Amino acid sequence: MMGHQEQLPQILVLGPPSVFKPYEHQFTKKFQILKPWESSLPTHLFLSTHGGSVEAVLTSGIFPVTANGVLNHLPALRLIVTTSAGLNHIDLPECRRRGISVANAAEIFSEDVADLGVGLLTDVMRRVSAGDGSNLKIDGSIPPKSSTPSKSSTKMDREKLSSPPQVLMLRPPPVFLRFQPQFSEKFQFLRAWESDLPLDAFLSNHAQHVQAMLTHGGGLPITADQVLRHLPSLRLIVTTSAGFNHIDLLECRRRGISVANAGTIFSEDAADMAVALFIDVHRRLSAADRCVRGANWPITRYYPLGSKVSGKRIGIVGLGSIGYEVAKRLDAFGCRISYNSRQEKPSVPYQFYSNVCELAANSDALIICCALTDETRHMINRKVMLALGKDGVIVNIARGALIDEKEMIKCLMNGEIAGAGLDVFEYEPNVPKELREMDNVVLTPHVAVFTDESFWDLFQLMVGNLEAFFSKKPLLTPVLDD
C-alpha cells in the first residue's frame, strides 16, 4: 500500500478547499496529498520542507497565493488549481513570470450560483428566512408601496352615497386592517368581533338588513349552523382568499347567495413564494442564514451542502392559474415539469399523470397548488411520500390539510423524504414542534400571497365586487352567482 502511495503524483493542498473534505477519500485514490493544516510546523516551514518536490497545488478562493506567502517557498511549482471561478486570490503576473500554469473552476458553478442568486432575491423580497424565524408579522398599519390600480382592477363608483351600504365582517381580513379608512369611505361595516354579544345574538340582531359579507380564508367557517341560518337576507359573500373551502357553497347555492373570491389576483405572488421555498429547501438558504447569524460560520466552515435546482423533476399538484405560473418559472430553471389535475390540459407542454402517487414516483419535488375539498384532503399521504422517495421534497403553498401532516413529520424524521417548504399547515396557526425543530424544513406563516402590490390589488377587487353587487351589476370574480 505504501509503495502504491509513493507512486501517486504529489499535490499540496492549501486551505483546504471545501470540496476536499467530502471527497478526500476519492482524492487520495489518485494523489499523494500534502496537508499543511495537519502539521505542527508553521505553514512557511512546511512549504519550504516540501518545496523541492511540490509541482502542483490545489487551493481555494480563501487562501492567498502570493510570492511572499507561497510561491517563494515552492521553486518546483508548475501548476495551481483553484476550486473557485475567481482568480483574485492568486498573483497571476507572478505566476506568469515563474512559468506556473493556473486552472480554475471555469463555468461549472454558473447554474448553481444563478439559482442561489434568484433564491436570495426571492428570499429578500418575500422575507422567507424572516418568516422561517417566526419574525414576520403582517402589520395592517403599513401603507402599500403601490397606490396605482392594477390593470385588472375595476374603477370605483364616484357617486357619493348618502347612506353607505352595510357589510358584515365576522373577523377582519388582513386587507381590511391595511385599508380600513379607504374601505370605510365606501361601506358601513358591522364588526362582529368588536361586539360583547355572542356571535349568534349579534347576527340575529342584524339579520333583516345584512345583504353582504366580507370574509377571508383564515376567518370563521361560513356554514349553515354557525352563520347562514341567522342571516335570511344575505345575498353575497365576498372572500379575500382565492380558496373557498371555508364557505359551504352547496348551502349558499340552495339559499341563493352569490359568492365572489380573489380570482387569480394572487397567482404570480403565490408562484413566486413556491419557487422561493423550493430553492430555499434545496439550497438551504434559511439554514445557512441561521448559521451565519449564529456566528457558526467561522467555527464549522463546512456547512452541509444543498442540492442543485436546475434539472430537477417537478411534479405540480393542481395546474390551475397558480400551478401554471409555478411551471413557467421552474421551466426557466431547466427543470422538467409534470403535473396532476382533475383533467389533462392539452394546451400545456407538460407530462400529465392522472394519479398523484405516479406523479410523485416520477418527481424529485412535489409542489402543491390545488384547492382543498373533501376529495383532496390528505391527498398527499404516506403512500405518496414514499413514492416521492428519500431525496424528495414537498412544497405547499395551497392548504395545509392537503397533506397528512402527521405522516409527513414521520417521513421527515425517518429520512423517508428529504425536506419540505411549507407556507400552510393543517391546524394553523399551530405548527407542530417537530417541524419547527427540523433544519431541512422551511416554514413561513401563510404569507405566500401577501405583498404590498397584491394587497392593493385585492383592496380594489374587494371594493369592486361589493360595489357591483350593490349597483346590481355582474360580480368581477364570481364563484357562485345567482
Protein backbone atom coordinates (compact mmCIF):
# COMPACT_ATOMS: atom_id res chain seq x y z
CA MET A 1 0.00 0.00 0.00
CA MET A 2 2.88 2.35 0.91
CA GLY A 3 4.56 1.67 -2.41
CA HIS A 4 1.33 2.49 -4.25
CA GLN A 5 1.05 5.80 -2.36
CA GLU A 6 4.62 6.72 -3.23
CA GLN A 7 3.89 6.17 -6.92
CA LEU A 8 0.93 8.56 -6.89
CA PRO A 9 1.50 12.16 -8.04
CA GLN A 10 2.07 14.52 -5.14
CA ILE A 11 -0.11 17.59 -4.65
CA LEU A 12 -0.05 20.26 -1.97
CA VAL A 13 -3.49 21.24 -0.68
CA LEU A 14 -3.86 24.73 0.78
CA GLY A 15 -6.89 25.83 2.77
CA PRO A 16 -8.23 23.18 2.39
CA PRO A 17 -10.94 23.83 -0.23
CA SER A 18 -14.49 22.96 0.83
CA VAL A 19 -14.67 20.33 -1.93
CA PHE A 20 -11.69 18.48 -0.44
CA LYS A 21 -13.17 17.23 2.83
CA PRO A 22 -16.31 15.46 1.46
CA TYR A 23 -14.25 13.87 -1.34
CA GLU A 24 -10.94 13.31 0.47
CA HIS A 25 -11.18 9.55 0.03
CA GLN A 26 -11.55 9.93 -3.74
CA PHE A 27 -8.67 12.43 -3.90
CA THR A 28 -6.34 10.08 -2.01
CA LYS A 29 -7.01 7.30 -4.51
CA LYS A 30 -5.44 9.45 -7.23
CA PHE A 31 -2.89 11.65 -5.46
CA GLN A 32 -0.49 11.72 -2.55
CA ILE A 33 -1.82 14.64 -0.51
CA LEU A 34 0.33 17.06 1.49
CA LYS A 35 -1.79 18.68 4.24
CA PRO A 36 -0.11 21.68 5.91
CA TRP A 37 -3.05 22.18 8.33
CA GLU A 38 -2.30 18.80 9.94
CA SER A 39 1.36 19.64 10.53
CA SER A 40 2.77 21.13 13.73
CA LEU A 41 5.12 23.22 11.58
CA PRO A 42 4.24 26.81 10.65
CA THR A 43 2.93 26.97 7.09
CA HIS A 44 6.04 28.65 5.64
CA LEU A 45 8.33 25.97 7.15
CA PHE A 46 6.05 23.18 5.92
CA LEU A 47 6.16 24.65 2.40
CA SER A 48 9.95 25.05 2.48
CA THR A 49 10.36 21.46 3.68
CA HIS A 50 8.47 20.14 0.64
CA GLY A 51 9.36 22.97 -1.74
CA GLY A 52 11.71 20.97 -3.92
CA SER A 53 9.16 18.25 -4.70
CA VAL A 54 5.84 20.09 -4.98
CA GLU A 55 4.85 20.63 -8.62
CA ALA A 56 1.08 21.10 -8.15
CA VAL A 57 -1.10 22.97 -5.66
CA LEU A 58 -4.84 22.63 -5.02
CA THR A 59 -6.28 25.70 -3.34
CA SER A 60 -9.49 27.69 -2.89
CA GLY A 61 -10.67 31.27 -3.15
CA ILE A 62 -9.99 32.00 0.52
CA PHE A 63 -6.25 31.16 0.52
CA PRO A 64 -4.00 33.89 -0.97
CA VAL A 65 -1.31 32.52 -3.28
CA THR A 66 1.30 35.28 -3.41
CA ALA A 67 5.05 35.42 -3.97
CA ASN A 68 5.97 36.01 -0.33
CA GLY A 69 3.29 33.81 1.19
CA VAL A 70 3.59 30.73 -1.03
CA LEU A 71 5.48 30.94 -4.32
CA ASN A 72 8.93 31.78 -2.90
CA HIS A 73 8.81 28.56 -0.86
CA LEU A 74 7.91 26.34 -3.86
CA PRO A 75 10.60 26.60 -6.54
CA ALA A 76 9.45 23.43 -8.33
CA LEU A 77 5.81 24.55 -8.59
CA ARG A 78 4.36 24.34 -12.11
CA LEU A 79 0.57 24.24 -11.60
CA ILE A 80 -2.00 25.90 -9.35
CA VAL A 81 -5.56 24.55 -9.49
CA THR A 82 -8.16 26.63 -7.67
CA THR A 83 -11.62 25.32 -6.85
CA SER A 84 -13.07 28.81 -7.36
CA ALA A 85 -14.14 30.53 -10.56
CA GLY A 86 -12.50 33.75 -9.38
CA LEU A 87 -8.73 34.25 -9.50
CA ASN A 88 -8.22 37.37 -7.41
CA HIS A 89 -6.52 35.38 -4.62
CA ILE A 90 -3.70 34.29 -6.97
CA ASP A 91 -0.86 36.58 -8.06
CA LEU A 92 -1.25 35.90 -11.79
CA PRO A 93 1.57 38.22 -13.01
CA GLU A 94 3.99 36.46 -10.65
CA CYS A 95 2.78 33.04 -11.81
CA ARG A 96 3.27 34.09 -15.42
CA ARG A 97 6.79 35.30 -14.64
CA ARG A 98 7.66 31.99 -12.98
CA GLY A 99 6.06 29.85 -15.71
CA ILE A 100 3.35 28.48 -13.41
CA SER A 101 0.10 27.41 -15.08
CA VAL A 102 -3.21 28.25 -13.38
CA ALA A 103 -6.57 26.46 -13.79
CA ASN A 104 -9.89 27.40 -12.23
CA ALA A 105 -13.46 26.07 -11.94
CA ALA A 106 -14.46 27.88 -15.15
CA GLU A 107 -18.25 27.80 -15.68
CA ILE A 108 -19.01 24.78 -13.51
CA PHE A 109 -20.75 26.93 -10.88
CA SER A 110 -22.75 29.14 -13.24
CA GLU A 111 -26.14 27.42 -12.88
CA ASP A 112 -25.87 26.91 -9.12
CA VAL A 113 -24.77 30.48 -8.48
CA ALA A 114 -27.62 31.75 -10.67
CA ASP A 115 -30.07 29.56 -8.72
CA LEU A 116 -28.78 30.93 -5.44
CA GLY A 117 -28.92 34.49 -6.75
CA VAL A 118 -32.60 34.05 -7.62
CA GLY A 119 -33.15 32.31 -4.29
CA LEU A 120 -31.62 35.21 -2.35
CA LEU A 121 -33.60 37.73 -4.38
CA THR A 122 -36.90 35.99 -3.68
CA ASP A 123 -35.88 35.41 -0.07
CA VAL A 124 -35.25 39.12 0.50
CA MET A 125 -38.29 40.28 -1.48
CA ARG A 126 -40.65 37.75 0.13
CA ARG A 127 -38.88 37.55 3.54
CA VAL A 128 -38.73 33.76 3.51
CA SER A 129 -35.90 33.40 6.04
CA ALA A 130 -37.57 36.02 8.23
CA GLY A 131 -40.80 34.03 8.11
CA ASP A 132 -38.90 30.82 8.88
CA GLY A 133 -37.57 32.50 12.01
CA SER A 134 -41.12 33.48 13.04
CA ASN A 135 -40.22 37.18 12.83
CA LEU A 136 -42.69 38.01 10.08
CA LYS A 137 -45.71 39.99 11.15
CA ILE A 138 -48.49 41.24 8.93
CA ASP A 139 -48.96 44.80 10.04
CA GLY A 140 -52.14 46.39 8.82
CA SER A 141 -50.81 49.87 9.54
CA ILE A 142 -48.10 49.75 6.86
CA PRO A 143 -49.21 51.69 3.75
CA PRO A 144 -48.92 49.97 0.38
CA LYS A 145 -45.97 50.83 -1.81
CA SER A 146 -48.24 50.99 -4.82
CA SER A 147 -51.08 53.47 -4.98
CA THR A 148 -51.88 52.85 -8.60
CA PRO A 149 -54.72 50.48 -9.51
CA SER A 150 -53.68 47.38 -11.42
CA LYS A 151 -54.90 46.77 -14.94
CA SER A 152 -57.21 44.06 -13.66
CA SER A 153 -58.86 46.21 -11.02
CA THR A 154 -62.15 47.93 -11.60
CA LYS A 155 -62.81 51.68 -11.45
CA MET A 156 -64.67 52.69 -8.32
CA ASP A 157 -68.03 54.29 -8.50
CA ARG A 158 -67.53 58.03 -8.00
CA GLU A 159 -71.05 58.64 -6.90
CA LYS A 160 -71.28 59.52 -3.20
CA LEU A 161 -73.90 57.55 -1.36
CA SER A 162 -75.85 59.36 1.34
CA SER A 163 -76.01 56.16 3.39
CA PRO A 164 -73.14 53.70 2.71
CA PRO A 165 -74.22 50.08 2.17
CA GLN A 166 -73.81 47.79 5.16
CA VAL A 167 -71.27 44.95 5.02
CA LEU A 168 -70.90 42.33 7.75
CA MET A 169 -67.49 41.09 8.91
CA LEU A 170 -67.13 38.28 11.44
CA ARG A 171 -63.37 38.80 11.73
CA PRO A 172 -61.26 41.38 9.88
CA PRO A 173 -59.32 40.16 6.84
CA PRO A 174 -55.70 41.45 6.74
CA VAL A 175 -56.55 43.60 3.71
CA PHE A 176 -59.26 45.36 5.72
CA LEU A 177 -56.83 46.23 8.51
CA ARG A 178 -54.47 47.67 5.96
CA PHE A 179 -57.05 49.75 4.11
CA GLN A 180 -59.60 50.35 6.84
CA PRO A 181 -60.03 54.12 6.16
CA GLN A 182 -60.50 53.54 2.43
CA PHE A 183 -62.98 50.69 2.99
CA SER A 184 -64.91 52.81 5.49
CA GLU A 185 -65.35 55.60 2.94
CA LYS A 186 -67.35 53.19 0.81
CA PHE A 187 -69.23 50.96 3.23
CA GLN A 188 -70.61 50.81 6.74
CA PHE A 189 -69.09 47.74 8.41
CA LEU A 190 -70.79 45.68 11.07
CA ARG A 191 -67.88 44.32 13.13
CA ALA A 192 -68.92 41.18 14.96
CA TRP A 193 -65.54 40.73 16.66
CA GLU A 194 -65.93 44.08 18.48
CA SER A 195 -69.31 43.20 19.98
CA ASP A 196 -69.82 41.90 23.52
CA LEU A 197 -72.74 39.81 22.26
CA PRO A 198 -72.31 36.13 21.38
CA LEU A 199 -72.00 35.71 17.63
CA ASP A 200 -75.45 34.19 17.10
CA ALA A 201 -77.07 37.04 19.05
CA PHE A 202 -75.11 39.66 17.10
CA LEU A 203 -76.12 38.08 13.79
CA SER A 204 -79.77 37.80 14.83
CA ASN A 205 -79.83 41.49 15.77
CA HIS A 206 -78.77 42.44 12.23
CA ALA A 207 -80.46 39.57 10.41
CA GLN A 208 -83.03 41.55 8.43
CA HIS A 209 -80.76 44.11 6.80
CA VAL A 210 -77.42 42.29 6.20
CA GLN A 211 -77.16 41.58 2.47
CA ALA A 212 -73.36 41.35 2.04
CA MET A 213 -70.49 39.85 3.99
CA LEU A 214 -66.70 40.28 3.67
CA THR A 215 -64.68 37.32 4.96
CA HIS A 216 -61.34 35.55 4.48
CA GLY A 217 -59.83 32.09 4.40
CA GLY A 218 -58.49 32.34 7.93
CA GLY A 219 -61.80 33.51 9.37
CA LEU A 220 -64.77 31.65 10.76
CA PRO A 221 -66.20 28.90 8.53
CA ILE A 222 -69.33 30.15 6.74
CA THR A 223 -71.69 27.26 7.38
CA ALA A 224 -75.44 26.95 7.75
CA ASP A 225 -75.39 26.25 11.50
CA GLN A 226 -72.85 28.88 12.51
CA VAL A 227 -73.73 31.76 10.22
CA LEU A 228 -76.16 31.36 7.33
CA ARG A 229 -79.27 30.36 9.30
CA HIS A 230 -79.03 33.65 11.23
CA LEU A 231 -78.91 35.80 8.07
CA PRO A 232 -82.05 35.29 5.95
CA SER A 233 -81.40 38.48 3.92
CA LEU A 234 -77.81 37.61 2.98
CA ARG A 235 -77.25 37.64 -0.79
CA LEU A 236 -73.46 38.00 -1.20
CA ILE A 237 -70.31 36.62 0.41
CA VAL A 238 -67.01 38.11 -0.75
CA THR A 239 -63.89 36.28 0.43
CA THR A 240 -60.43 37.82 0.19
CA SER A 241 -58.92 34.39 -0.47
CA ALA A 242 -58.60 32.51 -3.75
CA GLY A 243 -59.71 29.33 -2.00
CA PHE A 244 -63.25 28.94 -0.70
CA ASN A 245 -63.15 25.70 1.29
CA HIS A 246 -64.22 27.75 4.35
CA ILE A 247 -67.59 28.51 2.69
CA ASP A 248 -70.43 26.00 2.37
CA LEU A 249 -71.04 26.52 -1.35
CA LEU A 250 -73.84 23.97 -1.56
CA GLU A 251 -75.78 25.74 1.18
CA CYS A 252 -75.12 29.13 -0.44
CA ARG A 253 -76.43 27.84 -3.75
CA ARG A 254 -79.53 26.49 -2.02
CA ARG A 255 -80.17 29.85 -0.36
CA GLY A 256 -79.48 31.92 -3.49
CA ILE A 257 -76.35 33.55 -2.05
CA SER A 258 -73.70 34.68 -4.53
CA VAL A 259 -70.02 34.13 -3.70
CA ALA A 260 -67.01 36.03 -5.05
CA ASN A 261 -63.35 35.35 -4.34
CA ALA A 262 -59.92 36.83 -5.13
CA GLY A 263 -59.86 35.16 -8.53
CA THR A 264 -56.37 34.90 -10.00
CA ILE A 265 -55.08 38.05 -8.31
CA PHE A 266 -52.62 36.08 -6.15
CA SER A 267 -51.33 33.66 -8.79
CA GLU A 268 -47.99 35.30 -9.52
CA ASP A 269 -47.16 36.05 -5.88
CA ALA A 270 -48.07 32.52 -4.78
CA ALA A 271 -45.93 31.08 -7.58
CA ASP A 272 -43.00 33.29 -6.57
CA MET A 273 -43.27 32.01 -3.00
CA ALA A 274 -43.47 28.38 -4.15
CA VAL A 275 -40.26 28.83 -6.14
CA ALA A 276 -38.62 30.65 -3.21
CA LEU A 277 -39.45 27.78 -0.84
CA PHE A 278 -38.30 25.23 -3.42
CA ILE A 279 -34.92 26.95 -3.80
CA ASP A 280 -34.60 27.56 -0.06
CA VAL A 281 -35.07 23.90 0.82
CA HIS A 282 -32.72 22.65 -1.90
CA ARG A 283 -30.00 25.26 -1.39
CA ARG A 284 -30.56 25.53 2.40
CA LEU A 285 -30.83 29.32 2.39
CA SER A 286 -32.66 29.68 5.71
CA ALA A 287 -30.37 27.14 7.37
CA ALA A 288 -27.34 29.00 6.03
CA ASP A 289 -28.83 32.28 7.23
CA ARG A 290 -29.11 30.85 10.75
CA CYS A 291 -25.54 29.54 10.55
CA VAL A 292 -24.16 32.99 9.72
CA ARG A 293 -26.36 34.89 12.21
CA GLY A 294 -25.38 32.42 14.94
CA ALA A 295 -21.68 33.16 14.29
CA ASN A 296 -21.15 29.49 13.42
CA TRP A 297 -19.55 30.04 10.02
CA PRO A 298 -16.01 30.67 11.34
CA ILE A 299 -16.37 27.63 13.61
CA THR A 300 -17.92 24.99 11.35
CA ARG A 301 -16.50 26.13 7.99
CA TYR A 302 -18.02 23.02 6.38
CA TYR A 303 -21.73 23.66 6.29
CA PRO A 304 -23.75 20.77 4.76
CA LEU A 305 -24.23 21.28 1.06
CA GLY A 306 -27.59 21.77 -0.61
CA SER A 307 -28.55 20.19 -3.91
CA LYS A 308 -28.79 21.50 -7.44
CA VAL A 309 -32.02 23.17 -8.54
CA SER A 310 -31.55 23.04 -12.30
CA GLY A 311 -32.68 19.81 -13.90
CA LYS A 312 -34.93 18.72 -11.05
CA ARG A 313 -38.11 16.81 -11.93
CA ILE A 314 -41.01 18.90 -10.63
CA GLY A 315 -44.46 17.44 -10.01
CA ILE A 316 -47.12 20.14 -9.71
CA VAL A 317 -50.32 19.05 -7.96
CA GLY A 318 -53.01 21.30 -9.42
CA LEU A 319 -52.16 23.07 -12.67
CA GLY A 320 -54.56 25.98 -12.26
CA SER A 321 -53.51 29.60 -12.52
CA ILE A 322 -51.02 29.31 -9.64
CA GLY A 323 -49.67 25.94 -10.73
CA TYR A 324 -49.16 27.19 -14.27
CA GLU A 325 -47.21 30.22 -13.02
CA VAL A 326 -45.01 27.87 -10.96
CA ALA A 327 -44.43 25.73 -14.04
CA LYS A 328 -43.40 28.74 -16.14
CA ARG A 329 -40.88 29.85 -13.53
CA LEU A 330 -39.27 26.46 -12.95
CA ASP A 331 -39.28 25.68 -16.66
CA ALA A 332 -36.90 28.63 -16.99
CA PHE A 333 -34.59 26.97 -14.42
CA GLY A 334 -34.25 23.97 -16.72
CA CYS A 335 -36.48 21.81 -14.54
CA ARG A 336 -38.62 19.06 -16.06
CA ILE A 337 -42.29 19.73 -15.33
CA SER A 338 -45.12 17.24 -14.93
CA TYR A 339 -48.48 17.67 -13.24
CA ASN A 340 -51.65 16.20 -11.83
CA SER A 341 -55.01 17.92 -12.22
CA ARG A 342 -58.67 16.98 -12.33
CA GLN A 343 -58.25 16.60 -16.06
CA GLU A 344 -55.46 16.75 -18.61
CA LYS A 345 -54.77 20.14 -20.21
CA PRO A 346 -53.95 19.60 -23.90
CA SER A 347 -52.78 23.20 -24.28
CA VAL A 348 -49.73 22.79 -21.98
CA PRO A 349 -46.48 21.03 -22.95
CA TYR A 350 -46.04 19.20 -19.64
CA GLN A 351 -46.42 15.48 -18.83
CA PHE A 352 -49.78 14.65 -17.23
CA TYR A 353 -50.29 12.00 -14.54
CA SER A 354 -53.84 11.12 -13.53
CA ASN A 355 -52.58 9.55 -10.30
CA VAL A 356 -50.74 11.63 -7.65
CA CYS A 357 -48.75 8.61 -6.48
CA GLU A 358 -47.47 8.03 -10.01
CA LEU A 359 -46.62 11.74 -10.28
CA ALA A 360 -44.62 11.51 -7.04
CA ALA A 361 -42.74 8.44 -8.23
CA ASN A 362 -41.57 10.40 -11.27
CA SER A 363 -40.66 13.61 -9.41
CA ASP A 364 -37.84 14.98 -7.27
CA ALA A 365 -40.19 17.54 -5.73
CA LEU A 366 -43.94 17.93 -5.35
CA ILE A 367 -45.34 21.47 -5.33
CA ILE A 368 -48.90 21.58 -4.02
CA CYS A 369 -51.11 24.21 -5.70
CA CYS A 370 -54.60 22.70 -5.73
CA ALA A 371 -57.80 23.58 -3.87
CA LEU A 372 -58.82 21.85 -0.65
CA THR A 373 -62.01 19.80 -0.99
CA ASP A 374 -63.36 16.68 0.64
CA GLU A 375 -61.76 14.73 -2.20
CA THR A 376 -58.31 16.35 -1.92
CA ARG A 377 -57.99 16.37 1.89
CA HIS A 378 -54.88 14.36 2.83
CA MET A 379 -54.25 13.52 -0.82
CA ILE A 380 -50.52 13.78 -0.05
CA ASN A 381 -50.46 10.76 2.23
CA ARG A 382 -47.78 8.32 3.34
CA LYS A 383 -48.08 6.28 0.16
CA VAL A 384 -47.45 9.38 -1.97
CA MET A 385 -44.49 10.43 0.20
CA LEU A 386 -42.88 7.01 -0.02
CA ALA A 387 -43.31 7.14 -3.80
CA LEU A 388 -41.57 10.53 -3.80
CA GLY A 389 -38.64 8.92 -2.01
CA LYS A 390 -35.83 9.78 0.38
CA ASP A 391 -34.41 12.51 -1.88
CA GLY A 392 -37.81 14.09 -2.50
CA VAL A 393 -39.02 17.48 -1.30
CA ILE A 394 -42.57 18.75 -0.71
CA VAL A 395 -43.56 22.41 -1.12
CA ASN A 396 -47.06 23.51 -0.07
CA ILE A 397 -48.46 26.99 -0.72
CA ALA A 398 -52.10 25.85 -1.06
CA ARG A 399 -53.85 24.49 2.06
CA GLY A 400 -52.31 22.62 4.98
CA ALA A 401 -54.88 19.83 5.10
CA LEU A 402 -53.94 18.69 1.60
CA ILE A 403 -51.04 16.91 3.34
CA ASP A 404 -51.37 14.33 6.09
CA GLU A 405 -49.21 16.40 8.44
CA LYS A 406 -48.56 13.65 11.00
CA GLU A 407 -47.39 11.25 8.30
CA MET A 408 -45.21 13.96 6.73
CA ILE A 409 -43.50 14.54 10.08
CA LYS A 410 -42.82 10.81 10.42
CA CYS A 411 -41.41 10.64 6.89
CA LEU A 412 -39.16 13.65 7.54
CA MET A 413 -37.92 12.30 10.87
CA ASN A 414 -37.23 8.85 9.39
CA GLY A 415 -35.44 10.22 6.33
CA GLU A 416 -38.13 8.86 4.02
CA ILE A 417 -38.35 12.28 2.33
CA ALA A 418 -35.57 14.86 2.25
CA GLY A 419 -37.27 18.12 3.19
CA ALA A 420 -40.25 20.43 2.97
CA GLY A 421 -41.08 24.07 2.33
CA LEU A 422 -44.39 24.91 4.00
CA ASP A 423 -46.40 28.12 3.93
CA VAL A 424 -49.57 26.43 5.20
CA PHE A 425 -50.34 23.94 7.95
CA GLU A 426 -53.14 21.57 8.82
CA TYR A 427 -54.14 23.27 12.08
CA GLU A 428 -52.70 26.75 11.66
CA PRO A 429 -51.64 28.89 13.32
CA ASN A 430 -50.47 25.88 15.36
CA VAL A 431 -47.29 24.46 13.82
CA PRO A 432 -46.02 21.14 15.23
CA LYS A 433 -42.88 21.42 17.33
CA GLU A 434 -41.21 18.70 15.28
CA LEU A 435 -41.45 20.81 12.11
CA ARG A 436 -40.11 23.89 13.90
CA GLU A 437 -37.04 21.98 15.06
CA MET A 438 -36.06 20.44 11.70
CA ASP A 439 -33.24 22.10 9.80
CA ASN A 440 -34.38 20.61 6.48
CA VAL A 441 -37.81 22.25 6.73
CA VAL A 442 -38.54 25.88 5.81
CA LEU A 443 -41.63 27.44 7.38
CA THR A 444 -43.49 30.66 6.58
CA PRO A 445 -46.71 31.88 8.26
CA HIS A 446 -49.26 31.58 5.41
CA VAL A 447 -47.99 34.65 3.57
CA ALA A 448 -47.49 33.28 0.05
CA VAL A 449 -49.95 35.75 -1.45
CA PHE A 450 -49.13 38.76 0.72
CA THR A 451 -47.17 41.54 -0.97
CA ASP A 452 -47.66 45.29 -0.99
CA GLU A 453 -48.83 45.10 -4.58
CA SER A 454 -51.21 42.19 -4.06
CA PHE A 455 -52.80 43.90 -1.05
CA TRP A 456 -53.54 46.98 -3.13
CA ASP A 457 -54.97 44.95 -6.00
CA LEU A 458 -57.03 42.91 -3.55
CA PHE A 459 -58.46 46.04 -1.95
CA GLN A 460 -59.52 47.29 -5.36
CA LEU A 461 -61.06 43.94 -6.26
CA MET A 462 -62.98 43.55 -2.99
CA VAL A 463 -64.43 47.05 -3.32
CA GLY A 464 -65.22 46.35 -6.96
CA ASN A 465 -67.18 43.18 -6.13
CA LEU A 466 -69.12 44.85 -3.32
CA GLU A 467 -69.94 47.89 -5.43
CA ALA A 468 -71.01 45.69 -8.32
CA PHE A 469 -73.40 43.84 -6.03
CA PHE A 470 -74.96 46.98 -4.54
CA SER A 471 -75.22 48.51 -8.03
CA LYS A 472 -76.87 45.33 -9.37
CA LYS A 473 -74.00 44.76 -11.81
CA PRO A 474 -72.15 41.49 -12.58
CA LEU A 475 -69.59 40.41 -10.00
CA LEU A 476 -65.96 40.69 -11.07
CA THR A 477 -64.80 37.30 -9.76
CA PRO A 478 -67.86 35.13 -9.15
CA VAL A 479 -67.60 31.64 -7.70
CA LEU A 480 -71.37 31.34 -7.35
CA ASP A 481 -73.52 33.98 -9.00
CA ASP A 482 -77.28 33.91 -8.70
